[in-house]
């Protein structure tokens, strides 16, 4: 990409959309820094501010660590590009993300990864168990979608939406995890904590045979903890407001080109 193209692109995009592009590019870079990406695959999308039927998604062929604000591709719910771009869009990207954006207007950002721990937990009957404080925020707030093959069939969209319901996270069986956020920062933080909880669960399960039975809090305590997170009781925030500025400072140190 020519060095002057990002500046040209910036001039043609309004401030609200540009800020969304910057935050979405940051989300891609942070996923890469954590090693939760899958080469050029997986996708994170963000709704264009003020538009119900337009969203931004990664250019197919770029690693997450290469994605910038100006390289993101704007498409509609049918996967049609709404602006010139040298890149294609992953078919599974708009099949999954188009369906969720169309059905869940609260989902400004939709994040899908094949991260190892979340994928492993997706194969377990009960998914994420309330074994750690990280897991408590997802207690009774995770959905499940059975594997149907690579998500390239449009008729799968209705089942994705039905299975997701009102949940903020869905385990796609034998496939990965889908997370919804009101901002890219919130989606990233929810994935971060879900992945932490999944890794802890796998570690516990690997040792439980020799260490004894697992201890789970009572359902009442689990629900109390979940409400503390989702109702943001005390000084708890779940939308990334505290973490996001610090994470952006990290990106400025490690890979400042993300906002170009």
Protein backbone atom coordinates (compact mmCIF):
# COMPACT_ATOMS: atom_id res chain seq x y z
CA UNK A 1 0.00 0.00 0.00
CA UNK A 2 1.40 3.39 -0.98
CA UNK A 3 2.55 5.54 1.93
CA UNK A 4 0.11 8.33 1.06
CA UNK A 5 -2.97 6.11 0.75
CA UNK A 6 -3.76 6.03 4.52
CA UNK A 7 -3.79 9.85 4.66
CA UNK A 8 -5.99 10.00 1.57
CA UNK A 9 -8.37 7.44 3.06
CA UNK A 10 -8.54 9.40 6.32
CA UNK A 11 -9.71 12.54 4.51
CA UNK A 12 -12.57 10.66 2.87
CA UNK A 13 -13.95 9.14 6.11
CA UNK A 14 -15.93 10.96 8.79
CA UNK A 15 -14.58 11.16 12.33
CA UNK A 16 -17.01 8.65 13.88
CA UNK A 17 -16.23 5.95 11.32
CA UNK A 18 -12.51 6.64 11.53
CA UNK A 19 -12.52 6.21 15.31
CA UNK A 20 -14.32 2.90 14.89
CA UNK A 21 -11.71 1.85 12.34
CA UNK A 22 -8.88 2.73 14.72
CA UNK A 23 -10.45 0.83 17.60
CA UNK A 24 -11.18 -2.19 15.41
CA UNK A 25 -7.63 -2.24 14.03
CA UNK A 26 -6.38 -2.05 17.62
CA UNK A 27 -8.54 -5.06 18.51
CA UNK A 28 -6.99 -7.07 15.67
CA UNK A 29 -3.47 -6.16 16.79
CA UNK A 30 -4.16 -7.06 20.41
CA UNK A 31 -5.57 -10.44 19.41
CA UNK A 32 -2.36 -11.03 17.47
CA UNK A 33 -0.17 -9.95 20.39
CA UNK A 34 -1.93 -12.49 22.61
CA UNK A 35 -1.43 -15.23 20.01
CA UNK A 36 -5.17 -15.82 19.66
CA UNK A 37 -5.25 -15.25 15.90
CA UNK A 38 -5.23 -17.91 13.20
CA UNK A 39 -2.96 -16.59 10.43
CA UNK A 40 -5.22 -14.78 7.91
CA UNK A 41 -8.40 -16.46 9.19
CA UNK A 42 -10.97 -15.46 11.82
CA UNK A 43 -12.68 -12.13 11.77
CA UNK A 44 -13.72 -9.19 13.92
CA UNK A 45 -16.34 -6.79 12.63
CA UNK A 46 -17.67 -3.44 13.78
CA UNK A 47 -20.85 -1.69 12.72
CA UNK A 48 -20.32 1.61 10.94
CA UNK A 49 -21.66 4.33 13.28
CA UNK A 50 -25.13 5.43 12.24
CA UNK A 51 -25.56 2.52 9.82
CA UNK A 52 -27.53 -0.63 10.67
CA UNK A 53 -26.57 -2.49 7.49
CA UNK A 54 -22.89 -1.62 7.03
CA UNK A 55 -19.90 -2.97 8.89
CA UNK A 56 -16.11 -3.10 8.75
CA UNK A 57 -14.17 -6.33 8.57
CA UNK A 58 -10.63 -7.54 7.91
CA UNK A 59 -9.22 -7.71 4.39
CA UNK A 60 -8.86 -11.40 3.52
CA UNK A 61 -5.17 -12.19 3.13
CA UNK A 62 -3.69 -9.92 5.79
CA UNK A 63 -2.39 -11.21 9.10
CA UNK A 64 -3.99 -9.61 12.14
CA UNK A 65 -0.63 -7.98 12.89
CA UNK A 66 -0.78 -6.20 9.51
CA UNK A 67 -4.27 -4.72 9.75
CA UNK A 68 -4.62 -0.95 9.90
CA UNK A 69 -7.55 1.43 10.17
CA UNK A 70 -7.40 2.31 6.48
CA UNK A 71 -7.10 -1.29 5.24
CA UNK A 72 -10.38 -2.47 6.81
CA UNK A 73 -13.08 -3.26 4.26
CA UNK A 74 -16.60 -1.83 4.45
CA UNK A 75 -19.32 -4.30 3.41
CA UNK A 76 -23.07 -4.71 3.71
CA UNK A 77 -25.00 -7.57 5.27
CA UNK A 78 -24.81 -9.51 2.01
CA UNK A 79 -21.00 -9.31 1.95
CA UNK A 80 -20.85 -6.79 -0.91
CA UNK A 81 -17.98 -4.32 -0.77
CA UNK A 82 -19.17 -0.74 -0.41
CA UNK A 83 -15.87 0.88 -1.32
CA UNK A 84 -12.86 0.11 -3.43
CA UNK A 85 -10.42 -2.34 -1.89
CA UNK A 86 -7.78 -4.62 -3.39
CA UNK A 87 -8.81 -7.30 -0.91
CA UNK A 88 -11.60 -9.85 -0.82
CA UNK A 89 -13.67 -10.69 2.25
CA UNK A 90 -13.77 -14.15 3.83
CA UNK A 91 -17.16 -15.69 2.96
CA UNK A 92 -17.54 -17.09 6.48
CA UNK A 93 -16.92 -13.58 7.76
CA UNK A 94 -20.09 -12.10 6.34
CA UNK A 95 -22.15 -15.27 6.78
CA UNK A 96 -21.49 -15.21 10.53
CA UNK A 97 -21.10 -11.50 11.15
CA UNK A 98 -23.81 -10.34 8.77
CA UNK A 99 -26.31 -12.58 10.53
CA UNK A 100 -25.40 -11.33 14.00
CA UNK A 101 -25.23 -7.65 13.07
CA UNK A 102 -28.64 -7.90 11.37
CA UNK A 103 -30.28 -9.58 14.35
CA UNK A 104 -28.54 -8.02 17.34
CA UNK A 105 -28.53 -4.23 17.07
CA UNK A 106 -26.74 -4.05 20.43
CA UNK A 107 -23.79 -5.87 18.87
CA UNK A 108 -21.60 -3.07 17.63
CA UNK A 109 -18.59 -5.43 17.52
CA UNK A 110 -18.65 -9.17 16.74
CA UNK A 111 -15.46 -11.12 17.41
CA UNK A 112 -14.79 -14.69 16.29
CA UNK A 113 -11.62 -16.67 16.93
CA UNK A 114 -10.37 -20.25 16.87
CA UNK A 115 -8.34 -19.70 20.02
CA UNK A 116 -7.06 -22.96 21.44
CA UNK A 117 -8.59 -23.01 24.91
CA UNK A 118 -12.01 -21.69 23.85
CA UNK A 119 -12.17 -24.21 21.01
CA UNK A 120 -11.27 -27.04 23.38
CA UNK A 121 -13.97 -25.98 25.84
CA UNK A 122 -16.47 -25.76 22.97
CA UNK A 123 -16.24 -29.55 22.66
CA UNK A 124 -17.29 -30.09 26.28
CA UNK A 125 -20.97 -30.72 26.97
CA UNK A 126 -21.41 -27.86 29.46
CA UNK A 127 -18.92 -25.49 27.89
CA UNK A 128 -17.29 -23.06 30.30
CA UNK A 129 -17.71 -24.13 33.92
CA UNK A 130 -17.78 -21.69 36.88
CA UNK A 131 -14.39 -22.83 38.14
CA UNK A 132 -12.75 -19.42 38.42
CA UNK A 133 -13.70 -15.81 38.98
CA UNK A 134 -12.85 -15.21 35.31
CA UNK A 135 -15.56 -17.70 34.37
CA UNK A 136 -18.24 -16.31 36.69
CA UNK A 137 -19.18 -13.42 34.38
CA UNK A 138 -20.27 -15.99 31.78
CA UNK A 139 -22.34 -18.13 34.15
CA UNK A 140 -25.64 -18.95 32.36
CA UNK A 141 -24.66 -16.38 29.74
CA UNK A 142 -23.06 -18.61 27.11
CA UNK A 143 -24.86 -20.05 24.12
CA UNK A 144 -23.99 -23.08 21.97
CA UNK A 145 -24.14 -23.67 18.22
CA UNK A 146 -23.52 -27.13 16.82
CA UNK A 147 -20.92 -27.54 14.11
CA UNK A 148 -22.37 -27.64 10.57
CA UNK A 149 -19.16 -27.50 8.53
CA UNK A 150 -17.32 -24.40 7.35
CA UNK A 151 -19.73 -21.47 7.78
CA UNK A 152 -20.28 -20.63 4.13
CA UNK A 153 -23.96 -21.62 3.77
CA UNK A 154 -26.37 -18.72 4.07
CA UNK A 155 -29.09 -20.93 5.52
CA UNK A 156 -26.96 -21.41 8.65
CA UNK A 157 -27.51 -17.75 9.53
CA UNK A 158 -30.97 -18.30 11.03
CA UNK A 159 -29.67 -21.08 13.28
CA UNK A 160 -26.69 -18.98 14.40
CA UNK A 161 -29.05 -16.19 15.42
CA UNK A 162 -31.53 -18.54 17.10
CA UNK A 163 -28.83 -20.33 19.09
CA UNK A 164 -27.18 -17.08 20.18
CA UNK A 165 -30.37 -15.58 21.58
CA UNK A 166 -29.55 -12.72 23.93
CA UNK A 167 -26.21 -14.11 25.13
CA UNK A 168 -22.99 -12.10 24.89
CA UNK A 169 -20.88 -15.14 23.96
CA UNK A 170 -21.48 -18.33 22.01
CA UNK A 171 -19.35 -21.44 21.83
CA UNK A 172 -19.38 -22.75 18.27
CA UNK A 173 -18.97 -26.46 18.86
CA UNK A 174 -15.70 -27.95 17.56
CA UNK A 175 -14.95 -24.59 15.96
CA UNK A 176 -14.29 -21.63 18.22
CA UNK A 177 -15.96 -18.80 20.11
CA UNK A 178 -18.12 -15.82 19.15
CA UNK A 179 -18.16 -12.72 21.38
CA UNK A 180 -20.35 -9.62 21.14
CA UNK A 181 -19.46 -6.18 22.44
CA UNK A 182 -20.83 -2.64 22.44
CA UNK A 183 -17.33 -1.53 21.47
CA UNK A 184 -14.24 -3.29 20.13
CA UNK A 185 -12.70 -2.73 23.57
CA UNK A 186 -15.53 -4.54 25.33
CA UNK A 187 -15.47 -7.43 22.84
CA UNK A 188 -11.72 -7.78 23.29
CA UNK A 189 -11.93 -7.81 27.09
CA UNK A 190 -14.73 -10.40 27.07
CA UNK A 191 -12.66 -12.65 24.81
CA UNK A 192 -9.60 -12.12 27.01
CA UNK A 193 -11.44 -13.20 30.16
CA UNK A 194 -13.25 -16.06 28.43
CA UNK A 195 -9.95 -17.41 27.14
CA UNK A 196 -8.33 -17.06 30.57
CA UNK A 197 -11.23 -18.94 32.13
CA UNK A 198 -11.07 -21.66 29.46
CA UNK A 199 -7.32 -22.19 29.99
CA UNK A 200 -7.82 -22.45 33.75
CA UNK A 201 -10.61 -24.98 33.23
CA UNK A 202 -8.43 -27.14 31.00
CA UNK A 203 -5.58 -26.98 33.52
CA UNK A 204 -7.91 -28.03 36.34
CA UNK A 205 -9.38 -30.86 34.32
CA UNK A 206 -5.91 -32.09 33.41
CA UNK A 207 -5.00 -32.44 37.09
CA UNK A 208 -8.35 -33.27 38.67
CA UNK A 209 -7.91 -37.02 38.22
CA UNK A 210 -4.99 -36.98 40.65
CA UNK A 211 -5.85 -33.90 42.71
CA UNK A 212 -9.42 -34.89 43.60
CA UNK A 213 -12.88 -33.68 42.63
CA UNK A 214 -13.37 -30.15 41.36
CA UNK A 215 -15.01 -27.65 43.69
CA UNK A 216 -17.71 -25.43 42.17
CA UNK A 217 -19.46 -22.58 44.00
CA UNK A 218 -23.19 -22.91 44.51
CA UNK A 219 -25.51 -21.74 41.70
CA UNK A 220 -26.61 -18.82 43.89
CA UNK A 221 -23.05 -17.62 44.39
CA UNK A 222 -22.27 -18.06 40.69
CA UNK A 223 -25.29 -15.96 39.73
CA UNK A 224 -24.39 -13.33 42.34
CA UNK A 225 -20.90 -13.02 40.86
CA UNK A 226 -22.28 -12.85 37.31
CA UNK A 227 -24.63 -10.04 38.29
CA UNK A 228 -21.78 -8.17 39.96
CA UNK A 229 -19.99 -8.17 36.61
CA UNK A 230 -22.90 -7.46 34.29
CA UNK A 231 -24.54 -4.87 36.53
CA UNK A 232 -21.10 -3.32 37.13
CA UNK A 233 -21.52 -3.29 40.87
CA UNK A 234 -18.91 -1.60 43.04
CA UNK A 235 -15.98 -0.52 40.87
CA UNK A 236 -16.38 -3.37 38.36
CA UNK A 237 -16.46 -2.40 34.68
CA UNK A 238 -16.82 -4.94 31.89
CA UNK A 239 -16.68 -2.69 28.85
CA UNK A 240 -12.94 -2.12 28.75
CA UNK A 241 -13.10 1.51 29.81
CA UNK A 242 -10.19 1.10 32.21
CA UNK A 243 -8.12 -1.40 30.25
CA UNK A 244 -8.56 0.00 26.74
CA UNK A 245 -6.50 3.21 27.13
CA UNK A 246 -3.66 1.20 28.67
CA UNK A 247 -3.84 -1.34 25.86
CA UNK A 248 -3.72 1.43 23.26
CA UNK A 249 -0.60 2.81 24.94
CA UNK A 250 0.95 -0.64 24.60
CA UNK A 251 0.16 -0.63 20.89
CA UNK A 252 1.72 2.82 20.54
CA UNK A 253 4.91 1.34 21.92
CA UNK A 254 4.84 -1.98 20.07
CA UNK A 255 3.10 -1.33 16.72
CA UNK A 256 2.03 2.32 16.29
CA UNK A 257 1.12 1.89 12.61
CA UNK A 258 -2.25 0.28 13.47
CA UNK A 259 -4.07 3.62 13.31
CA UNK A 260 -2.80 4.55 9.83
